[in-house]
N, C-alpha and C. Protein backbone atom coordinates (compact mmCIF):
# COMPACT_ATOMS: atom_id res chain seq x y z
N MET A 1 25.36 1.51 -10.32
CA MET A 1 24.18 1.06 -9.61
C MET A 1 24.28 -0.46 -9.51
N SER A 2 24.06 -0.96 -8.31
CA SER A 2 24.19 -2.40 -8.05
C SER A 2 23.01 -3.15 -8.59
N TYR A 3 23.19 -4.43 -8.83
CA TYR A 3 22.11 -5.33 -9.28
C TYR A 3 20.91 -5.31 -8.30
N ARG A 4 21.25 -5.32 -7.03
CA ARG A 4 20.18 -5.32 -6.00
C ARG A 4 19.35 -4.03 -6.08
N THR A 5 20.03 -2.87 -6.30
CA THR A 5 19.32 -1.63 -6.42
C THR A 5 18.44 -1.61 -7.64
N ILE A 6 18.90 -2.11 -8.76
CA ILE A 6 18.08 -2.17 -9.98
C ILE A 6 16.86 -3.06 -9.74
N ILE A 7 17.03 -4.18 -9.09
CA ILE A 7 15.92 -5.09 -8.82
C ILE A 7 14.91 -4.36 -7.91
N SER A 8 15.42 -3.69 -6.87
CA SER A 8 14.54 -2.97 -5.95
C SER A 8 13.74 -1.90 -6.65
N LEU A 9 14.39 -1.12 -7.49
CA LEU A 9 13.69 -0.06 -8.20
C LEU A 9 12.65 -0.61 -9.16
N THR A 10 13.00 -1.71 -9.86
CA THR A 10 12.03 -2.35 -10.76
C THR A 10 10.82 -2.81 -10.01
N LEU A 11 11.04 -3.53 -8.90
CA LEU A 11 9.91 -4.00 -8.09
C LEU A 11 9.08 -2.83 -7.60
N ALA A 12 9.73 -1.73 -7.18
CA ALA A 12 9.00 -0.60 -6.66
C ALA A 12 8.06 -0.01 -7.72
N LEU A 13 8.54 0.07 -8.94
CA LEU A 13 7.67 0.61 -9.98
C LEU A 13 6.54 -0.32 -10.31
N LEU A 14 6.79 -1.61 -10.32
CA LEU A 14 5.73 -2.57 -10.63
C LEU A 14 4.68 -2.63 -9.51
N VAL A 15 5.10 -2.47 -8.27
CA VAL A 15 4.19 -2.59 -7.12
C VAL A 15 3.30 -1.39 -7.02
N LEU A 16 3.79 -0.20 -7.39
CA LEU A 16 3.04 1.04 -7.15
C LEU A 16 1.79 1.19 -7.99
N TRP A 17 1.85 0.80 -9.28
CA TRP A 17 0.75 1.18 -10.16
C TRP A 17 0.67 0.27 -11.35
N VAL A 18 -0.56 -0.01 -11.71
CA VAL A 18 -0.78 -0.75 -12.99
C VAL A 18 -1.40 0.26 -13.92
N PRO A 19 -0.69 0.63 -14.99
CA PRO A 19 -1.22 1.65 -15.89
C PRO A 19 -2.42 1.11 -16.68
N PRO A 20 -3.35 1.99 -17.05
CA PRO A 20 -4.52 1.55 -17.80
C PRO A 20 -4.16 0.81 -19.08
N THR A 21 -3.09 1.19 -19.76
CA THR A 21 -2.74 0.51 -21.01
C THR A 21 -2.35 -0.92 -20.75
N ALA A 22 -1.70 -1.19 -19.61
CA ALA A 22 -1.34 -2.59 -19.32
C ALA A 22 -2.61 -3.38 -18.99
N ILE A 23 -3.55 -2.75 -18.32
CA ILE A 23 -4.77 -3.44 -17.99
C ILE A 23 -5.56 -3.77 -19.24
N ALA A 24 -5.58 -2.84 -20.18
CA ALA A 24 -6.35 -3.07 -21.40
C ALA A 24 -5.83 -4.27 -22.14
N GLN A 25 -4.55 -4.57 -22.03
CA GLN A 25 -4.00 -5.69 -22.75
C GLN A 25 -4.10 -7.01 -21.98
N ASP A 26 -4.51 -6.92 -20.75
CA ASP A 26 -4.57 -8.11 -19.89
C ASP A 26 -6.03 -8.28 -19.43
N ASN A 27 -6.53 -9.49 -19.41
CA ASN A 27 -7.86 -9.71 -18.87
C ASN A 27 -7.79 -9.58 -17.35
N PHE A 28 -8.73 -8.83 -16.80
CA PHE A 28 -8.78 -8.73 -15.34
C PHE A 28 -10.24 -8.58 -14.93
N HIS A 29 -10.44 -8.83 -13.64
CA HIS A 29 -11.77 -8.69 -13.07
C HIS A 29 -11.60 -7.96 -11.76
N VAL A 30 -12.54 -7.06 -11.50
CA VAL A 30 -12.55 -6.30 -10.25
C VAL A 30 -13.82 -6.64 -9.54
N GLY A 31 -13.72 -6.99 -8.27
CA GLY A 31 -14.87 -7.31 -7.47
C GLY A 31 -14.77 -6.68 -6.10
N GLU A 32 -15.83 -6.85 -5.36
CA GLU A 32 -15.91 -6.34 -4.00
C GLU A 32 -15.10 -7.25 -3.03
N LEU A 33 -14.70 -6.69 -1.93
CA LEU A 33 -14.08 -7.49 -0.88
C LEU A 33 -15.11 -8.45 -0.33
N SER A 34 -14.69 -9.69 -0.07
CA SER A 34 -15.58 -10.65 0.62
C SER A 34 -15.52 -10.39 2.10
N ASN A 35 -16.40 -11.02 2.83
CA ASN A 35 -16.38 -10.92 4.29
C ASN A 35 -15.02 -11.44 4.81
N LEU A 36 -14.52 -12.52 4.20
CA LEU A 36 -13.21 -13.07 4.62
C LEU A 36 -12.09 -12.06 4.37
N ASP A 37 -12.16 -11.36 3.28
CA ASP A 37 -11.16 -10.30 2.97
C ASP A 37 -11.20 -9.23 4.03
N ARG A 38 -12.41 -8.78 4.34
CA ARG A 38 -12.56 -7.69 5.36
C ARG A 38 -12.02 -8.16 6.72
N GLN A 39 -12.37 -9.41 7.11
CA GLN A 39 -11.91 -9.96 8.38
C GLN A 39 -10.39 -10.02 8.38
N TYR A 40 -9.83 -10.56 7.31
CA TYR A 40 -8.35 -10.68 7.21
C TYR A 40 -7.68 -9.32 7.36
N MET A 41 -8.19 -8.34 6.63
CA MET A 41 -7.61 -7.00 6.68
C MET A 41 -7.74 -6.39 8.06
N GLU A 42 -8.85 -6.64 8.72
CA GLU A 42 -9.05 -6.14 10.08
C GLU A 42 -8.04 -6.82 11.05
N GLN A 43 -7.83 -8.10 10.82
CA GLN A 43 -6.82 -8.80 11.63
C GLN A 43 -5.42 -8.18 11.45
N GLN A 44 -5.12 -7.82 10.21
CA GLN A 44 -3.84 -7.16 9.96
C GLN A 44 -3.74 -5.80 10.66
N ARG A 45 -4.81 -5.07 10.66
CA ARG A 45 -4.79 -3.75 11.35
C ARG A 45 -4.61 -4.00 12.87
N VAL A 46 -5.23 -5.01 13.40
CA VAL A 46 -5.14 -5.36 14.85
C VAL A 46 -3.69 -5.71 15.19
N ILE A 47 -3.05 -6.49 14.35
CA ILE A 47 -1.64 -6.88 14.55
C ILE A 47 -0.79 -5.61 14.71
N LEU A 48 -0.96 -4.67 13.82
CA LEU A 48 -0.15 -3.46 13.84
C LEU A 48 -0.53 -2.54 15.04
N ARG A 49 -1.84 -2.45 15.33
CA ARG A 49 -2.26 -1.63 16.47
C ARG A 49 -1.66 -2.19 17.74
N ASP A 50 -1.70 -3.52 17.90
CA ASP A 50 -1.16 -4.17 19.13
C ASP A 50 0.31 -3.92 19.21
N LEU A 51 1.03 -4.07 18.10
CA LEU A 51 2.48 -3.90 18.07
C LEU A 51 2.84 -2.43 18.45
N ALA A 52 2.15 -1.48 17.83
CA ALA A 52 2.43 -0.06 18.11
C ALA A 52 2.11 0.32 19.51
N ALA A 53 1.01 -0.16 20.02
CA ALA A 53 0.60 0.15 21.44
C ALA A 53 1.54 -0.52 22.39
N GLY A 54 1.80 -1.83 22.18
CA GLY A 54 2.60 -2.55 23.16
C GLY A 54 4.05 -2.19 23.20
N ASP A 55 4.66 -1.91 22.03
CA ASP A 55 6.12 -1.69 21.99
C ASP A 55 6.47 -0.22 21.89
N LEU A 56 5.57 0.62 21.40
CA LEU A 56 5.85 2.05 21.28
C LEU A 56 4.97 2.93 22.12
N GLY A 57 3.90 2.37 22.69
CA GLY A 57 3.00 3.16 23.48
C GLY A 57 2.23 4.20 22.65
N ARG A 58 2.05 3.94 21.36
CA ARG A 58 1.41 4.86 20.46
C ARG A 58 0.28 4.18 19.72
N GLN A 59 -0.59 4.98 19.09
CA GLN A 59 -1.75 4.43 18.38
C GLN A 59 -1.87 5.00 17.00
N PHE A 60 -2.40 4.16 16.08
CA PHE A 60 -2.82 4.65 14.77
C PHE A 60 -4.11 5.37 14.97
N ASN A 61 -4.31 6.54 14.32
CA ASN A 61 -5.54 7.28 14.52
C ASN A 61 -6.14 7.81 13.24
N GLY A 62 -5.59 7.42 12.11
CA GLY A 62 -6.10 7.87 10.84
C GLY A 62 -5.54 9.20 10.35
N ASP A 63 -4.70 9.82 11.20
CA ASP A 63 -4.00 11.05 10.77
C ASP A 63 -2.78 10.63 9.99
N GLN A 64 -2.65 11.19 8.80
CA GLN A 64 -1.59 10.80 7.86
C GLN A 64 -0.21 10.95 8.49
N ASN A 65 0.07 12.14 9.09
CA ASN A 65 1.41 12.37 9.65
C ASN A 65 1.71 11.41 10.81
N ASN A 66 0.74 11.26 11.68
CA ASN A 66 0.93 10.34 12.82
C ASN A 66 1.15 8.94 12.34
N ASP A 67 0.27 8.42 11.48
CA ASP A 67 0.31 7.03 11.11
C ASP A 67 1.53 6.66 10.29
N LEU A 68 1.91 7.55 9.36
CA LEU A 68 3.13 7.28 8.56
C LEU A 68 4.35 7.29 9.47
N ALA A 69 4.43 8.23 10.39
CA ALA A 69 5.54 8.27 11.35
C ALA A 69 5.58 7.02 12.20
N LEU A 70 4.42 6.52 12.61
CA LEU A 70 4.36 5.33 13.42
C LEU A 70 4.79 4.09 12.61
N LEU A 71 4.39 4.00 11.38
CA LEU A 71 4.86 2.89 10.49
C LEU A 71 6.35 2.96 10.36
N GLN A 72 6.92 4.18 10.17
CA GLN A 72 8.36 4.30 10.04
C GLN A 72 9.06 3.91 11.32
N ALA A 73 8.52 4.26 12.47
CA ALA A 73 9.11 3.92 13.77
C ALA A 73 9.16 2.42 13.95
N LEU A 74 8.12 1.71 13.52
CA LEU A 74 8.13 0.26 13.62
C LEU A 74 9.27 -0.34 12.81
N LEU A 75 9.59 0.24 11.67
CA LEU A 75 10.70 -0.19 10.85
C LEU A 75 12.06 0.19 11.48
N ASP A 76 12.14 1.49 11.86
CA ASP A 76 13.39 2.00 12.35
C ASP A 76 13.84 1.29 13.65
N LYS A 77 12.92 0.92 14.49
CA LYS A 77 13.23 0.27 15.75
C LYS A 77 13.31 -1.26 15.56
N ARG A 78 13.19 -1.67 14.30
CA ARG A 78 13.28 -3.10 13.92
C ARG A 78 12.25 -3.97 14.66
N LEU A 79 11.08 -3.37 14.97
CA LEU A 79 10.00 -4.14 15.56
C LEU A 79 9.32 -4.95 14.43
N VAL A 80 9.46 -4.49 13.19
CA VAL A 80 9.08 -5.24 12.02
C VAL A 80 10.31 -5.37 11.12
N LYS A 81 10.70 -6.58 10.90
CA LYS A 81 11.94 -6.89 10.12
C LYS A 81 11.62 -7.31 8.72
N PRO A 82 12.61 -7.28 7.82
CA PRO A 82 12.39 -7.61 6.44
C PRO A 82 11.79 -9.00 6.18
N GLU A 83 12.03 -9.90 7.06
CA GLU A 83 11.50 -11.28 6.85
C GLU A 83 10.10 -11.47 7.41
N GLN A 84 9.53 -10.45 8.01
CA GLN A 84 8.22 -10.54 8.57
C GLN A 84 7.13 -10.05 7.60
N THR A 85 6.93 -10.87 6.57
CA THR A 85 6.03 -10.47 5.49
C THR A 85 4.64 -10.14 5.96
N ARG A 86 4.10 -10.91 6.89
CA ARG A 86 2.73 -10.68 7.35
C ARG A 86 2.60 -9.27 7.97
N GLU A 87 3.59 -8.89 8.80
CA GLU A 87 3.56 -7.62 9.47
C GLU A 87 3.80 -6.47 8.44
N LEU A 88 4.76 -6.72 7.51
CA LEU A 88 4.99 -5.71 6.50
C LEU A 88 3.77 -5.47 5.64
N GLN A 89 3.06 -6.56 5.31
CA GLN A 89 1.81 -6.37 4.54
C GLN A 89 0.71 -5.70 5.38
N ALA A 90 0.75 -5.97 6.65
CA ALA A 90 -0.23 -5.29 7.52
C ALA A 90 0.04 -3.78 7.51
N MET A 91 1.32 -3.40 7.43
CA MET A 91 1.67 -2.00 7.32
C MET A 91 1.05 -1.41 6.01
N GLY A 92 1.07 -2.25 4.98
CA GLY A 92 0.52 -1.83 3.72
C GLY A 92 -1.00 -1.57 3.81
N VAL A 93 -1.70 -2.33 4.61
CA VAL A 93 -3.12 -2.13 4.83
C VAL A 93 -3.32 -0.77 5.47
N ILE A 94 -2.54 -0.50 6.50
CA ILE A 94 -2.68 0.82 7.20
C ILE A 94 -2.41 1.96 6.25
N MET A 95 -1.30 1.81 5.43
CA MET A 95 -1.00 2.87 4.46
C MET A 95 -2.10 2.95 3.41
N GLY A 96 -2.63 1.85 3.00
CA GLY A 96 -3.73 1.83 2.02
C GLY A 96 -4.94 2.56 2.54
N ASP A 97 -5.27 2.37 3.83
CA ASP A 97 -6.38 3.08 4.41
C ASP A 97 -6.19 4.57 4.34
N LEU A 98 -4.93 5.02 4.58
CA LEU A 98 -4.63 6.45 4.49
C LEU A 98 -4.77 6.95 3.05
N LEU A 99 -4.27 6.19 2.09
CA LEU A 99 -4.39 6.59 0.71
C LEU A 99 -5.86 6.64 0.28
N ALA A 100 -6.61 5.65 0.70
CA ALA A 100 -8.05 5.64 0.35
C ALA A 100 -8.75 6.91 0.89
N ALA A 101 -8.48 7.23 2.09
CA ALA A 101 -9.12 8.44 2.68
C ALA A 101 -8.67 9.72 1.97
N ASP A 102 -7.40 9.78 1.69
CA ASP A 102 -6.78 10.96 1.10
C ASP A 102 -7.24 11.16 -0.35
N LEU A 103 -7.38 10.08 -1.12
CA LEU A 103 -7.63 10.21 -2.55
C LEU A 103 -9.01 9.80 -3.01
N GLY A 104 -9.89 9.45 -2.09
CA GLY A 104 -11.21 8.99 -2.50
C GLY A 104 -11.18 7.65 -3.20
N MET A 105 -10.31 6.74 -2.73
CA MET A 105 -10.24 5.43 -3.33
C MET A 105 -10.96 4.44 -2.46
N HIS A 106 -11.14 3.20 -2.96
CA HIS A 106 -11.76 2.17 -2.17
C HIS A 106 -11.13 0.83 -2.44
N TRP A 107 -11.22 -0.03 -1.43
CA TRP A 107 -10.62 -1.36 -1.49
C TRP A 107 -11.46 -2.26 -2.42
N VAL A 108 -10.79 -3.00 -3.27
CA VAL A 108 -11.44 -3.98 -4.15
C VAL A 108 -10.54 -5.22 -4.26
N ILE A 109 -11.14 -6.25 -4.89
CA ILE A 109 -10.35 -7.41 -5.27
C ILE A 109 -10.05 -7.26 -6.74
N TYR A 110 -8.77 -7.37 -7.09
CA TYR A 110 -8.32 -7.27 -8.45
C TYR A 110 -7.78 -8.66 -8.80
N GLU A 111 -8.35 -9.26 -9.85
CA GLU A 111 -7.91 -10.59 -10.26
C GLU A 111 -7.49 -10.53 -11.70
N ASP A 112 -6.32 -11.12 -11.99
CA ASP A 112 -5.83 -11.24 -13.34
C ASP A 112 -5.10 -12.57 -13.48
N ARG A 113 -4.39 -12.75 -14.56
CA ARG A 113 -3.72 -14.07 -14.78
C ARG A 113 -2.65 -14.37 -13.74
N LEU A 114 -2.20 -13.36 -13.04
CA LEU A 114 -1.19 -13.53 -12.00
C LEU A 114 -1.78 -13.90 -10.66
N GLY A 115 -3.08 -13.69 -10.48
CA GLY A 115 -3.72 -14.04 -9.24
C GLY A 115 -4.67 -13.01 -8.73
N ARG A 116 -4.95 -13.10 -7.46
CA ARG A 116 -5.94 -12.29 -6.76
C ARG A 116 -5.25 -11.37 -5.76
N SER A 117 -5.56 -10.09 -5.79
CA SER A 117 -4.95 -9.12 -4.91
C SER A 117 -5.98 -8.17 -4.35
N ARG A 118 -5.69 -7.69 -3.16
CA ARG A 118 -6.50 -6.60 -2.63
C ARG A 118 -5.83 -5.31 -3.09
N ALA A 119 -6.63 -4.43 -3.66
CA ALA A 119 -6.13 -3.23 -4.28
C ALA A 119 -7.02 -2.05 -3.93
N LEU A 120 -6.47 -0.87 -4.16
CA LEU A 120 -7.27 0.34 -4.08
C LEU A 120 -7.60 0.78 -5.52
N ARG A 121 -8.85 1.19 -5.68
CA ARG A 121 -9.30 1.64 -7.00
C ARG A 121 -9.76 3.06 -6.90
N TYR A 122 -9.39 3.91 -7.83
CA TYR A 122 -9.87 5.26 -7.85
C TYR A 122 -11.20 5.28 -8.60
N GLN A 123 -12.25 5.61 -7.86
CA GLN A 123 -13.63 5.66 -8.35
C GLN A 123 -13.92 4.40 -9.18
N GLN A 124 -14.42 4.54 -10.41
CA GLN A 124 -14.67 3.35 -11.24
C GLN A 124 -13.66 3.29 -12.42
N SER A 125 -12.53 3.93 -12.22
CA SER A 125 -11.49 3.99 -13.28
C SER A 125 -10.68 2.72 -13.29
N ASP A 126 -9.77 2.68 -14.24
CA ASP A 126 -8.80 1.59 -14.29
C ASP A 126 -7.47 1.97 -13.65
N ASP A 127 -7.55 2.87 -12.66
CA ASP A 127 -6.38 3.27 -11.88
C ASP A 127 -6.42 2.56 -10.56
N PHE A 128 -5.39 1.70 -10.34
CA PHE A 128 -5.28 0.90 -9.14
C PHE A 128 -3.96 1.13 -8.45
N LEU A 129 -3.97 0.97 -7.13
CA LEU A 129 -2.74 0.94 -6.37
C LEU A 129 -2.80 -0.37 -5.57
N PHE A 130 -1.65 -0.92 -5.29
CA PHE A 130 -1.52 -2.18 -4.56
C PHE A 130 -0.65 -1.94 -3.30
N PRO A 131 -1.22 -1.20 -2.33
CA PRO A 131 -0.44 -0.75 -1.16
C PRO A 131 -0.01 -1.89 -0.23
N ILE A 132 -0.67 -3.01 -0.25
CA ILE A 132 -0.34 -4.08 0.68
C ILE A 132 1.11 -4.56 0.49
N THR A 133 1.58 -4.50 -0.73
CA THR A 133 2.94 -4.96 -0.97
C THR A 133 3.93 -3.83 -1.20
N MET A 134 3.51 -2.58 -1.08
CA MET A 134 4.43 -1.48 -1.37
C MET A 134 5.61 -1.42 -0.37
N ILE A 135 5.36 -1.70 0.85
CA ILE A 135 6.38 -1.66 1.86
C ILE A 135 7.09 -3.01 1.91
N SER A 136 6.34 -4.11 1.87
CA SER A 136 6.91 -5.44 2.05
C SER A 136 7.92 -5.81 0.97
N ARG A 137 7.58 -5.54 -0.29
CA ARG A 137 8.48 -5.93 -1.38
C ARG A 137 9.78 -5.13 -1.31
N ARG A 138 9.67 -3.89 -0.95
CA ARG A 138 10.89 -3.04 -0.85
C ARG A 138 11.78 -3.57 0.29
N ARG A 139 11.18 -3.73 1.46
CA ARG A 139 12.00 -4.17 2.61
C ARG A 139 12.62 -5.55 2.43
N GLU A 140 11.83 -6.46 1.85
CA GLU A 140 12.34 -7.81 1.57
C GLU A 140 13.53 -7.76 0.62
N ALA A 141 13.57 -6.77 -0.29
CA ALA A 141 14.66 -6.64 -1.22
C ALA A 141 15.79 -5.76 -0.72
N GLY A 142 15.69 -5.34 0.55
CA GLY A 142 16.72 -4.50 1.13
C GLY A 142 16.63 -3.04 0.86
N ASN A 143 15.54 -2.61 0.27
CA ASN A 143 15.29 -1.20 -0.07
C ASN A 143 14.81 -0.49 1.20
N GLN A 144 15.49 0.59 1.59
CA GLN A 144 15.16 1.32 2.81
C GLN A 144 14.38 2.61 2.57
N THR A 145 13.68 2.71 1.47
CA THR A 145 12.89 3.92 1.17
C THR A 145 11.98 4.24 2.32
N PRO A 146 11.99 5.46 2.82
CA PRO A 146 11.11 5.86 3.92
C PRO A 146 9.66 5.69 3.56
N VAL A 147 8.83 5.33 4.56
CA VAL A 147 7.42 5.09 4.35
C VAL A 147 6.74 6.33 3.74
N VAL A 148 7.12 7.53 4.21
CA VAL A 148 6.48 8.73 3.73
C VAL A 148 6.76 8.92 2.25
N ASP A 149 7.97 8.53 1.81
CA ASP A 149 8.27 8.66 0.37
C ASP A 149 7.49 7.69 -0.46
N ILE A 150 7.28 6.48 0.05
CA ILE A 150 6.46 5.47 -0.66
C ILE A 150 5.04 6.02 -0.78
N TYR A 151 4.55 6.56 0.31
CA TYR A 151 3.18 7.10 0.33
C TYR A 151 3.02 8.25 -0.67
N GLN A 152 3.98 9.16 -0.65
CA GLN A 152 3.88 10.34 -1.53
C GLN A 152 4.00 9.98 -2.97
N LYS A 153 4.81 8.98 -3.29
CA LYS A 153 4.91 8.53 -4.69
C LYS A 153 3.63 7.92 -5.14
N ALA A 154 3.03 7.07 -4.33
CA ALA A 154 1.76 6.44 -4.68
C ALA A 154 0.66 7.49 -4.82
N ARG A 155 0.64 8.41 -3.87
CA ARG A 155 -0.35 9.49 -3.89
C ARG A 155 -0.22 10.31 -5.14
N GLY A 156 1.01 10.65 -5.51
CA GLY A 156 1.29 11.44 -6.71
C GLY A 156 0.80 10.81 -7.98
N ILE A 157 0.93 9.50 -8.04
CA ILE A 157 0.49 8.78 -9.27
C ILE A 157 -1.03 8.96 -9.47
N ILE A 158 -1.78 8.80 -8.41
CA ILE A 158 -3.24 8.91 -8.55
C ILE A 158 -3.66 10.37 -8.65
N ALA A 159 -3.06 11.22 -7.83
CA ALA A 159 -3.40 12.65 -7.80
C ALA A 159 -3.21 13.29 -9.21
N SER A 160 -2.17 12.85 -9.92
CA SER A 160 -1.88 13.43 -11.26
C SER A 160 -2.97 12.96 -12.26
N ARG A 161 -3.66 11.88 -12.00
CA ARG A 161 -4.64 11.35 -12.95
C ARG A 161 -6.06 11.87 -12.63
N LYS A 162 -6.19 12.49 -11.47
CA LYS A 162 -7.54 12.98 -11.09
C LYS A 162 -7.85 14.27 -11.93
N PRO A 163 -9.09 14.41 -12.35
CA PRO A 163 -9.42 15.63 -13.12
C PRO A 163 -9.33 16.83 -12.17
N PRO A 164 -8.96 17.99 -12.68
CA PRO A 164 -8.89 19.17 -11.84
C PRO A 164 -10.27 19.57 -11.38
N LEU A 165 -10.32 20.17 -10.18
CA LEU A 165 -11.56 20.66 -9.66
C LEU A 165 -11.97 21.92 -10.45
N PRO A 166 -13.24 22.18 -10.56
CA PRO A 166 -13.68 23.38 -11.26
C PRO A 166 -13.13 24.66 -10.58
N PHE A 167 -12.85 25.65 -11.37
CA PHE A 167 -12.40 26.94 -10.89
C PHE A 167 -10.99 26.88 -10.26
N GLN A 168 -10.19 25.96 -10.73
CA GLN A 168 -8.80 25.95 -10.27
C GLN A 168 -7.88 26.42 -11.36
């Protein structure tokens, strides 16, 4: 396994999930998105919508299969390149919206000693996902993991922590 692969895999694991035990050892604060956060995230969505409509003639519509395929097409056609951090992070916002809808999560601000991040939180638990950087950090490191695989891995982490529904 190459050094670059090891770095990519390590980053991937760190970006996907912050386990509750790590949070308990670290001081953190969770807050609501500010109006500026909401505006910024909406601008990121618009960037991707315009790119998809203008270059691919397609639209994001909130359907998981459609939207993940569209994100992948933007990467495959090199309409979003590894050095385009802003666009890659905008892809993370779109993917985060899908995860939030799928898993009953909501956007929050997560602050710790490392800084301030927009994150998804599962209910009021200490289970967080950081989807904005899930695609960007991988692509910037040369990792070509398909978007659907990134999504499914993130989804699996939270789904496995959800309590079972009654009568299952």
